[in-house]
Amino acid sequence: GPIPITAAMGLFIVLFRPLWFKNLVDTIYSGKNTN
């Protein structure tokens, strides 16, 4: 669509390093499934 959502979200993650993203990466690479 006309608004680049993915680039804006990527920029947000790089600039602010939200805790939810770190937890997501830790969950993916830990090999454990919490759900």
PDB file of all heavy atoms in Angstrom:
ATOM      1  N   GLY A   1       0.812  -1.213   0.000  1.00  0.00           N
ATOM      2  CA  GLY A   1       0.000   0.000   0.000  1.00  0.00           C
ATOM      3  C   GLY A   1       0.843   1.259   0.000  1.00  0.00           C
ATOM      4  O   GLY A   1       2.074   1.221  -0.081  1.00  0.00           O
ATOM      5  N   PRO A   2       0.207   2.417   0.101  1.00  0.00           N
ATOM      6  CA  PRO A   2       0.929   3.692  -0.008  1.00  0.00           C
ATOM      7  C   PRO A   2       1.777   4.061   1.208  1.00  0.00           C
ATOM      8  O   PRO A   2       2.629   4.924   1.120  1.00  0.00           O
ATOM      9  CB  PRO A   2      -0.192   4.706  -0.194  1.00  0.00           C
ATOM     10  CG  PRO A   2      -1.367   4.074   0.478  1.00  0.00           C
ATOM     11  CD  PRO A   2      -1.224   2.592   0.245  1.00  0.00           C
ATOM     12  N   ILE A   3       1.571   3.390   2.344  1.00  0.00           N
ATOM     13  CA  ILE A   3       2.329   3.725   3.550  1.00  0.00           C
ATOM     14  C   ILE A   3       3.297   2.583   3.864  1.00  0.00           C
ATOM     15  O   ILE A   3       2.871   1.452   4.084  1.00  0.00           O
ATOM     16  CB  ILE A   3       1.373   3.935   4.754  1.00  0.00           C
ATOM     17  CG1 ILE A   3       0.386   5.041   4.454  1.00  0.00           C
ATOM     18  CG2 ILE A   3       2.159   4.235   6.019  1.00  0.00           C
ATOM     19  CD1 ILE A   3      -0.714   5.183   5.473  1.00  0.00           C
ATOM     20  N   PRO A   4       4.589   2.860   3.898  1.00  0.00           N
ATOM     21  CA  PRO A   4       5.573   1.796   4.162  1.00  0.00           C
ATOM     22  C   PRO A   4       5.621   1.422   5.648  1.00  0.00           C
ATOM     23  O   PRO A   4       6.388   1.972   6.428  1.00  0.00           O
ATOM     24  CB  PRO A   4       6.890   2.406   3.697  1.00  0.00           C
ATOM     25  CG  PRO A   4       6.688   3.882   3.831  1.00  0.00           C
ATOM     26  CD  PRO A   4       5.228   4.126   3.579  1.00  0.00           C
ATOM     27  N   ILE A   5       4.787   0.474   6.050  1.00  0.00           N
ATOM     28  CA  ILE A   5       4.670   0.078   7.451  1.00  0.00           C
ATOM     29  C   ILE A   5       5.910  -0.683   7.922  1.00  0.00           C
ATOM     30  O   ILE A   5       6.399  -0.452   9.026  1.00  0.00           O
ATOM     31  CB  ILE A   5       3.404  -0.774   7.653  1.00  0.00           C
ATOM     32  CG1 ILE A   5       2.176   0.076   7.358  1.00  0.00           C
ATOM     33  CG2 ILE A   5       3.338  -1.357   9.051  1.00  0.00           C
ATOM     34  CD1 ILE A   5       0.895  -0.696   7.306  1.00  0.00           C
ATOM     35  N   THR A   6       6.418  -1.586   7.095  1.00  0.00           N
ATOM     36  CA  THR A   6       7.541  -2.425   7.502  1.00  0.00           C
ATOM     37  C   THR A   6       8.783  -1.592   7.786  1.00  0.00           C
ATOM     38  O   THR A   6       9.484  -1.815   8.778  1.00  0.00           O
ATOM     39  CB  THR A   6       7.836  -3.472   6.417  1.00  0.00           C
ATOM     40  OG1 THR A   6       6.636  -4.185   6.113  1.00  0.00           O
ATOM     41  CG2 THR A   6       8.888  -4.451   6.871  1.00  0.00           C
ATOM     42  N   ALA A   7       9.074  -0.630   6.929  1.00  0.00           N
ATOM     43  CA  ALA A   7      10.247   0.219   7.139  1.00  0.00           C
ATOM     44  C   ALA A   7      10.086   1.060   8.404  1.00  0.00           C
ATOM     45  O   ALA A   7      11.047   1.225   9.169  1.00  0.00           O
ATOM     46  CB  ALA A   7      10.460   1.113   5.930  1.00  0.00           C
ATOM     47  N   ALA A   8       8.898   1.577   8.644  1.00  0.00           N
ATOM     48  CA  ALA A   8       8.656   2.374   9.846  1.00  0.00           C
ATOM     49  C   ALA A   8       8.802   1.518  11.104  1.00  0.00           C
ATOM     50  O   ALA A   8       9.391   1.960  12.095  1.00  0.00           O
ATOM     51  CB  ALA A   8       7.261   3.005   9.797  1.00  0.00           C
ATOM     52  N   MET A   9       8.302   0.272  11.063  1.00  0.00           N
ATOM     53  CA  MET A   9       8.433  -0.602  12.218  1.00  0.00           C
ATOM     54  C   MET A   9       9.898  -0.985  12.440  1.00  0.00           C
ATOM     55  O   MET A   9      10.367  -1.028  13.584  1.00  0.00           O
ATOM     56  CB  MET A   9       7.599  -1.868  12.042  1.00  0.00           C
ATOM     57  CG  MET A   9       7.663  -2.780  13.238  1.00  0.00           C
ATOM     58  SD  MET A   9       6.536  -4.149  13.118  1.00  0.00           S
ATOM     59  CE  MET A   9       5.076  -3.372  13.782  1.00  0.00           C
ATOM     60  N   GLY A  10      10.627  -1.242  11.378  1.00  0.00           N
ATOM     61  CA  GLY A  10      12.053  -1.547  11.502  1.00  0.00           C
ATOM     62  C   GLY A  10      12.832  -0.389  12.095  1.00  0.00           C
ATOM     63  O   GLY A  10      13.702  -0.581  12.946  1.00  0.00           O
ATOM     64  N   LEU A  11      12.522   0.817  11.660  1.00  0.00           N
ATOM     65  CA  LEU A  11      13.177   1.999  12.199  1.00  0.00           C
ATOM     66  C   LEU A  11      12.850   2.171  13.684  1.00  0.00           C
ATOM     67  O   LEU A  11      13.736   2.472  14.482  1.00  0.00           O
ATOM     68  CB  LEU A  11      12.754   3.243  11.417  1.00  0.00           C
ATOM     69  CG  LEU A  11      13.410   4.551  11.826  1.00  0.00           C
ATOM     70  CD1 LEU A  11      14.917   4.473  11.590  1.00  0.00           C
ATOM     71  CD2 LEU A  11      12.820   5.702  11.036  1.00  0.00           C
ATOM     72  N   PHE A  12      11.606   1.939  14.055  1.00  0.00           N
ATOM     73  CA  PHE A  12      11.205   2.018  15.460  1.00  0.00           C
ATOM     74  C   PHE A  12      11.997   1.026  16.306  1.00  0.00           C
ATOM     75  O   PHE A  12      12.498   1.363  17.385  1.00  0.00           O
ATOM     76  CB  PHE A  12       9.700   1.753  15.591  1.00  0.00           C
ATOM     77  CG  PHE A  12       9.237   1.609  17.012  1.00  0.00           C
ATOM     78  CD1 PHE A  12       9.036   2.726  17.799  1.00  0.00           C
ATOM     79  CD2 PHE A  12       9.011   0.357  17.566  1.00  0.00           C
ATOM     80  CE1 PHE A  12       8.612   2.610  19.118  1.00  0.00           C
ATOM     81  CE2 PHE A  12       8.587   0.221  18.874  1.00  0.00           C
ATOM     82  CZ  PHE A  12       8.384   1.350  19.647  1.00  0.00           C
ATOM     83  N   ILE A  13      12.125  -0.208  15.817  1.00  0.00           N
ATOM     84  CA  ILE A  13      12.846  -1.245  16.568  1.00  0.00           C
ATOM     85  C   ILE A  13      14.318  -0.884  16.712  1.00  0.00           C
ATOM     86  O   ILE A  13      14.907  -1.047  17.784  1.00  0.00           O
ATOM     87  CB  ILE A  13      12.663  -2.620  15.892  1.00  0.00           C
ATOM     88  CG1 ILE A  13      11.220  -3.082  16.077  1.00  0.00           C
ATOM     89  CG2 ILE A  13      13.635  -3.651  16.450  1.00  0.00           C
ATOM     90  CD1 ILE A  13      10.853  -4.310  15.292  1.00  0.00           C
ATOM     91  N   VAL A  14      14.926  -0.367  15.657  1.00  0.00           N
ATOM     92  CA  VAL A  14      16.345  -0.005  15.718  1.00  0.00           C
ATOM     93  C   VAL A  14      16.570   1.180  16.654  1.00  0.00           C
ATOM     94  O   VAL A  14      17.526   1.193  17.433  1.00  0.00           O
ATOM     95  CB  VAL A  14      16.879   0.312  14.300  1.00  0.00           C
ATOM     96  CG1 VAL A  14      18.244   0.958  14.354  1.00  0.00           C
ATOM     97  CG2 VAL A  14      16.930  -0.956  13.466  1.00  0.00           C
ATOM     98  N   LEU A  15      15.695   2.167  16.614  1.00  0.00           N
ATOM     99  CA  LEU A  15      15.890   3.364  17.428  1.00  0.00           C
ATOM    100  C   LEU A  15      15.586   3.155  18.907  1.00  0.00           C
ATOM    101  O   LEU A  15      16.331   3.610  19.773  1.00  0.00           O
ATOM    102  CB  LEU A  15      15.024   4.510  16.899  1.00  0.00           C
ATOM    103  CG  LEU A  15      15.459   5.120  15.572  1.00  0.00           C
ATOM    104  CD1 LEU A  15      14.457   6.180  15.137  1.00  0.00           C
ATOM    105  CD2 LEU A  15      16.845   5.699  15.680  1.00  0.00           C
ATOM    106  N   PHE A  16      14.482   2.475  19.208  1.00  0.00           N
ATOM    107  CA  PHE A  16      14.017   2.403  20.596  1.00  0.00           C
ATOM    108  C   PHE A  16      14.298   1.075  21.285  1.00  0.00           C
ATOM    109  O   PHE A  16      14.157   0.984  22.498  1.00  0.00           O
ATOM    110  CB  PHE A  16      12.521   2.723  20.663  1.00  0.00           C
ATOM    111  CG  PHE A  16      12.216   4.115  20.221  1.00  0.00           C
ATOM    112  CD1 PHE A  16      11.602   4.355  19.010  1.00  0.00           C
ATOM    113  CD2 PHE A  16      12.558   5.198  21.007  1.00  0.00           C
ATOM    114  CE1 PHE A  16      11.319   5.642  18.590  1.00  0.00           C
ATOM    115  CE2 PHE A  16      12.281   6.493  20.603  1.00  0.00           C
ATOM    116  CZ  PHE A  16      11.667   6.709  19.388  1.00  0.00           C
ATOM    117  N   ARG A  17      14.663   0.043  20.547  1.00  0.00           N
ATOM    118  CA  ARG A  17      14.956  -1.288  21.095  1.00  0.00           C
ATOM    119  C   ARG A  17      13.942  -1.696  22.162  1.00  0.00           C
ATOM    120  O   ARG A  17      14.287  -1.846  23.343  1.00  0.00           O
ATOM    121  CB  ARG A  17      16.355  -1.324  21.672  1.00  0.00           C
ATOM    122  CG  ARG A  17      17.416  -1.095  20.665  1.00  0.00           C
ATOM    123  CD  ARG A  17      18.756  -1.237  21.307  1.00  0.00           C
ATOM    124  NE  ARG A  17      19.631  -0.205  20.755  1.00  0.00           N
ATOM    125  CZ  ARG A  17      20.798   0.095  21.253  1.00  0.00           C
ATOM    126  NH1 ARG A  17      21.249  -0.514  22.303  1.00  0.00           N
ATOM    127  NH2 ARG A  17      21.520   1.025  20.690  1.00  0.00           N
ATOM    128  N   PRO A  18      12.682  -1.912  21.766  1.00  0.00           N
ATOM    129  CA  PRO A  18      11.641  -2.239  22.747  1.00  0.00           C
ATOM    130  C   PRO A  18      11.883  -3.605  23.397  1.00  0.00           C
ATOM    131  O   PRO A  18      12.440  -4.521  22.788  1.00  0.00           O
ATOM    132  CB  PRO A  18      10.355  -2.245  21.922  1.00  0.00           C
ATOM    133  CG  PRO A  18      10.793  -2.463  20.527  1.00  0.00           C
ATOM    134  CD  PRO A  18      12.163  -1.877  20.413  1.00  0.00           C
ATOM    135  N   LEU A  19      11.453  -3.725  24.640  1.00  0.00           N
ATOM    136  CA  LEU A  19      11.648  -4.952  25.404  1.00  0.00           C
ATOM    137  C   LEU A  19      10.911  -6.127  24.766  1.00  0.00           C
ATOM    138  O   LEU A  19      11.406  -7.251  24.764  1.00  0.00           O
ATOM    139  CB  LEU A  19      11.185  -4.754  26.845  1.00  0.00           C
ATOM    140  CG  LEU A  19      11.410  -5.921  27.790  1.00  0.00           C
ATOM    141  CD1 LEU A  19      12.895  -6.269  27.878  1.00  0.00           C
ATOM    142  CD2 LEU A  19      10.857  -5.606  29.156  1.00  0.00           C
ATOM    143  N   TRP A  20       9.737  -5.890  24.170  1.00  0.00           N
ATOM    144  CA  TRP A  20       8.982  -6.975  23.559  1.00  0.00           C
ATOM    145  C   TRP A  20       9.760  -7.604  22.409  1.00  0.00           C
ATOM    146  O   TRP A  20       9.669  -8.801  22.164  1.00  0.00           O
ATOM    147  CB  TRP A  20       7.596  -6.533  23.101  1.00  0.00           C
ATOM    148  CG  TRP A  20       7.587  -5.450  22.064  1.00  0.00           C
ATOM    149  CD1 TRP A  20       7.449  -4.115  22.292  1.00  0.00           C
ATOM    150  CD2 TRP A  20       7.721  -5.593  20.648  1.00  0.00           C
ATOM    151  NE1 TRP A  20       7.498  -3.427  21.104  1.00  0.00           N
ATOM    152  CE2 TRP A  20       7.656  -4.310  20.071  1.00  0.00           C
ATOM    153  CE3 TRP A  20       7.877  -6.679  19.798  1.00  0.00           C
ATOM    154  CZ2 TRP A  20       7.761  -4.086  18.706  1.00  0.00           C
ATOM    155  CZ3 TRP A  20       7.978  -6.457  18.434  1.00  0.00           C
ATOM    156  CH2 TRP A  20       7.916  -5.176  17.902  1.00  0.00           C
ATOM    157  N   PHE A  21      10.549  -6.811  21.701  1.00  0.00           N
ATOM    158  CA  PHE A  21      11.325  -7.360  20.580  1.00  0.00           C
ATOM    159  C   PHE A  21      12.477  -8.215  21.098  1.00  0.00           C
ATOM    160  O   PHE A  21      12.754  -9.287  20.558  1.00  0.00           O
ATOM    161  CB  PHE A  21      11.844  -6.231  19.688  1.00  0.00           C
ATOM    162  CG  PHE A  21      12.496  -6.744  18.435  1.00  0.00           C
ATOM    163  CD1 PHE A  21      11.737  -7.239  17.394  1.00  0.00           C
ATOM    164  CD2 PHE A  21      13.872  -6.731  18.297  1.00  0.00           C
ATOM    165  CE1 PHE A  21      12.330  -7.723  16.253  1.00  0.00           C
ATOM    166  CE2 PHE A  21      14.484  -7.209  17.155  1.00  0.00           C
ATOM    167  CZ  PHE A  21      13.712  -7.706  16.124  1.00  0.00           C
ATOM    168  N   LYS A  22      13.130  -7.764  22.159  1.00  0.00           N
ATOM    169  CA  LYS A  22      14.215  -8.554  22.744  1.00  0.00           C
ATOM    170  C   LYS A  22      13.672  -9.870  23.281  1.00  0.00           C
ATOM    171  O   LYS A  22      14.283 -10.929  23.081  1.00  0.00           O
ATOM    172  CB  LYS A  22      14.909  -7.791  23.861  1.00  0.00           C
ATOM    173  CG  LYS A  22      16.057  -8.574  24.466  1.00  0.00           C
ATOM    174  CD  LYS A  22      16.627  -7.893  25.677  1.00  0.00           C
ATOM    175  CE  LYS A  22      17.763  -8.658  26.296  1.00  0.00           C
ATOM    176  NZ  LYS A  22      17.573 -10.062  26.492  1.00  0.00           N
ATOM    177  N   ASN A  23      12.527  -9.833  23.940  1.00  0.00           N
ATOM    178  CA  ASN A  23      11.916 -11.060  24.447  1.00  0.00           C
ATOM    179  C   ASN A  23      11.549 -12.007  23.304  1.00  0.00           C
ATOM    180  O   ASN A  23      11.707 -13.227  23.426  1.00  0.00           O
ATOM    181  CB  ASN A  23      10.680 -10.743  25.284  1.00  0.00           C
ATOM    182  CG  ASN A  23      11.032 -10.039  26.571  1.00  0.00           C
ATOM    183  OD1 ASN A  23      12.143 -10.134  27.064  1.00  0.00           O
ATOM    184  ND2 ASN A  23      10.074  -9.313  27.114  1.00  0.00           N
ATOM    185  N   LEU A  24      11.072 -11.450  22.205  1.00  0.00           N
ATOM    186  CA  LEU A  24      10.727 -12.266  21.042  1.00  0.00           C
ATOM    187  C   LEU A  24      11.969 -12.952  20.477  1.00  0.00           C
ATOM    188  O   LEU A  24      11.957 -14.157  20.214  1.00  0.00           O
ATOM    189  CB  LEU A  24      10.071 -11.396  19.966  1.00  0.00           C
ATOM    190  CG  LEU A  24       9.726 -12.095  18.660  1.00  0.00           C
ATOM    191  CD1 LEU A  24       8.638 -13.130  18.884  1.00  0.00           C
ATOM    192  CD2 LEU A  24       9.310 -11.085  17.628  1.00  0.00           C
ATOM    193  N   VAL A  25      13.052 -12.222  20.330  1.00  0.00           N
ATOM    194  CA  VAL A  25      14.294 -12.793  19.814  1.00  0.00           C
ATOM    195  C   VAL A  25      14.840 -13.847  20.777  1.00  0.00           C
ATOM    196  O   VAL A  25      15.276 -14.926  20.343  1.00  0.00           O
ATOM    197  CB  VAL A  25      15.334 -11.682  19.555  1.00  0.00           C
ATOM    198  CG1 VAL A  25      16.688 -12.263  19.221  1.00  0.00           C
ATOM    199  CG2 VAL A  25      14.860 -10.765  18.439  1.00  0.00           C
ATOM    200  N   ASP A  26      14.791 -13.569  22.071  1.00  0.00           N
ATOM    201  CA  ASP A  26      15.246 -14.548  23.060  1.00  0.00           C
ATOM    202  C   ASP A  26      14.419 -15.822  22.995  1.00  0.00           C
ATOM    203  O   ASP A  26      14.955 -16.933  23.092  1.00  0.00           O
ATOM    204  CB  ASP A  26      15.183 -13.975  24.467  1.00  0.00           C
ATOM    205  CG  ASP A  26      16.239 -12.918  24.721  1.00  0.00           C
ATOM    206  OD1 ASP A  26      17.223 -12.847  23.940  1.00  0.00           O
ATOM    207  OD2 ASP A  26      16.088 -12.149  25.688  1.00  0.00           O
ATOM    208  N   THR A  27      13.109 -15.690  22.815  1.00  0.00           N
ATOM    209  CA  THR A  27      12.230 -16.858  22.729  1.00  0.00           C
ATOM    210  C   THR A  27      12.544 -17.685  21.484  1.00  0.00           C
ATOM    211  O   THR A  27      12.603 -18.912  21.544  1.00  0.00           O
ATOM    212  CB  THR A  27      10.759 -16.422  22.701  1.00  0.00           C
ATOM    213  OG1 THR A  27      10.470 -15.672  23.875  1.00  0.00           O
ATOM    214  CG2 THR A  27       9.836 -17.626  22.626  1.00  0.00           C
ATOM    215  N   ILE A  28      12.774 -17.014  20.376  1.00  0.00           N
ATOM    216  CA  ILE A  28      13.054 -17.723  19.126  1.00  0.00           C
ATOM    217  C   ILE A  28      14.371 -18.485  19.227  1.00  0.00           C
ATOM    218  O   ILE A  28      14.459 -19.653  18.848  1.00  0.00           O
ATOM    219  CB  ILE A  28      13.075 -16.747  17.936  1.00  0.00           C
ATOM    220  CG1 ILE A  28      11.668 -16.235  17.661  1.00  0.00           C
ATOM    221  CG2 ILE A  28      13.649 -17.418  16.700  1.00  0.00           C
ATOM    222  CD1 ILE A  28      11.612 -15.132  16.638  1.00  0.00           C
ATOM    223  N   TYR A  29      15.404 -17.865  19.748  1.00  0.00           N
ATOM    224  CA  TYR A  29      16.718 -18.481  19.760  1.00  0.00           C
ATOM    225  C   TYR A  29      16.998 -19.355  20.982  1.00  0.00           C
ATOM    226  O   TYR A  29      18.016 -20.032  21.019  1.00  0.00           O
ATOM    227  CB  TYR A  29      17.801 -17.417  19.604  1.00  0.00           C
ATOM    228  CG  TYR A  29      17.858 -16.879  18.201  1.00  0.00           C
ATOM    229  CD1 TYR A  29      17.387 -15.607  17.912  1.00  0.00           C
ATOM    230  CD2 TYR A  29      18.335 -17.663  17.163  1.00  0.00           C
ATOM    231  CE1 TYR A  29      17.404 -15.126  16.616  1.00  0.00           C
ATOM    232  CE2 TYR A  29      18.364 -17.179  15.877  1.00  0.00           C
ATOM    233  CZ  TYR A  29      17.903 -15.914  15.601  1.00  0.00           C
ATOM    234  OH  TYR A  29      17.923 -15.448  14.329  1.00  0.00           O
ATOM    235  N   SER A  30      16.124 -19.358  21.969  1.00  0.00           N
ATOM    236  CA  SER A  30      16.355 -20.193  23.145  1.00  0.00           C
ATOM    237  C   SER A  30      16.035 -21.663  22.877  1.00  0.00           C
ATOM    238  O   SER A  30      16.518 -22.532  23.576  1.00  0.00           O
ATOM    239  CB  SER A  30      15.530 -19.697  24.322  1.00  0.00           C
ATOM    240  OG  SER A  30      14.169 -19.980  24.118  1.00  0.00           O
ATOM    241  N   GLY A  31      15.202 -21.903  21.890  1.00  0.00           N
ATOM    242  CA  GLY A  31      14.812 -23.272  21.597  1.00  0.00           C
ATOM    243  C   GLY A  31      13.652 -23.756  22.458  1.00  0.00           C
ATOM    244  O   GLY A  31      13.167 -24.857  22.317  1.00  0.00           O
ATOM    245  N   LYS A  32      13.203 -22.905  23.372  1.00  0.00           N
ATOM    246  CA  LYS A  32      12.072 -23.249  24.233  1.00  0.00           C
ATOM    247  C   LYS A  32      10.839 -22.558  23.690  1.00  0.00           C
ATOM    248  O   LYS A  32      10.874 -21.450  23.198  1.00  0.00           O
ATOM    249  CB  LYS A  32      12.311 -22.773  25.663  1.00  0.00           C
ATOM    250  CG  LYS A  32      13.511 -23.418  26.305  1.00  0.00           C
ATOM    251  CD  LYS A  32      13.739 -22.839  27.677  1.00  0.00           C
ATOM    252  CE  LYS A  32      15.018 -23.377  28.274  1.00  0.00           C
ATOM    253  NZ  LYS A  32      15.338 -22.719  29.531  1.00  0.00           N
ATOM    254  N   ASN A  33       9.703 -23.210  23.829  1.00  0.00           N
ATOM    255  CA  ASN A  33       8.440 -22.634  23.372  1.00  0.00           C
ATOM    256  C   ASN A  33       7.595 -22.292  24.595  1.00  0.00           C
ATOM    257  O   ASN A  33       7.286 -23.159  25.393  1.00  0.00           O
ATOM    258  CB  ASN A  33       7.704 -23.619  22.468  1.00  0.00           C
ATOM    259  CG  ASN A  33       6.557 -22.964  21.763  1.00  0.00           C
ATOM    260  OD1 ASN A  33       6.295 -21.778  21.944  1.00  0.00           O
ATOM    261  ND2 ASN A  33       5.870 -23.719  20.946  1.00  0.00           N
ATOM    262  N   THR A  34       7.250 -21.021  24.723  1.00  0.00           N
ATOM    263  CA  THR A  34       6.467 -20.586  25.886  1.00  0.00           C
ATOM    264  C   THR A  34       4.972 -20.691  25.629  1.00  0.00           C
ATOM    265  O   THR A  34       4.184 -20.548  26.538  1.00  0.00           O
ATOM    266  CB  THR A  34       6.803 -19.131  26.261  1.00  0.00           C
ATOM    267  OG1 THR A  34       6.562 -18.279  25.151  1.00  0.00           O
ATOM    268  CG2 THR A  34       8.251 -19.038  26.687  1.00  0.00           C
ATOM    269  N   ASN A  35       4.572 -20.919  24.386  1.00  0.00           N
ATOM    270  CA  ASN A  35       3.134 -20.991  24.064  1.00  0.00           C
ATOM    271  C   ASN A  35       2.723 -22.410  23.799  1.00  0.00           C
ATOM    272  O   ASN A  35       3.190 -23.189  23.182  1.00  0.00           O
ATOM    273  CB  ASN A  35       2.792 -20.120  22.861  1.00  0.00           C
ATOM    274  CG  ASN A  35       3.008 -18.654  23.187  1.00  0.00           C
ATOM    275  OD1 ASN A  35       2.939 -18.258  24.318  1.00  0.00           O
ATOM    276  ND2 ASN A  35       3.259 -17.866  22.181  1.00  0.00           N
TER     277      ASN A  35
END
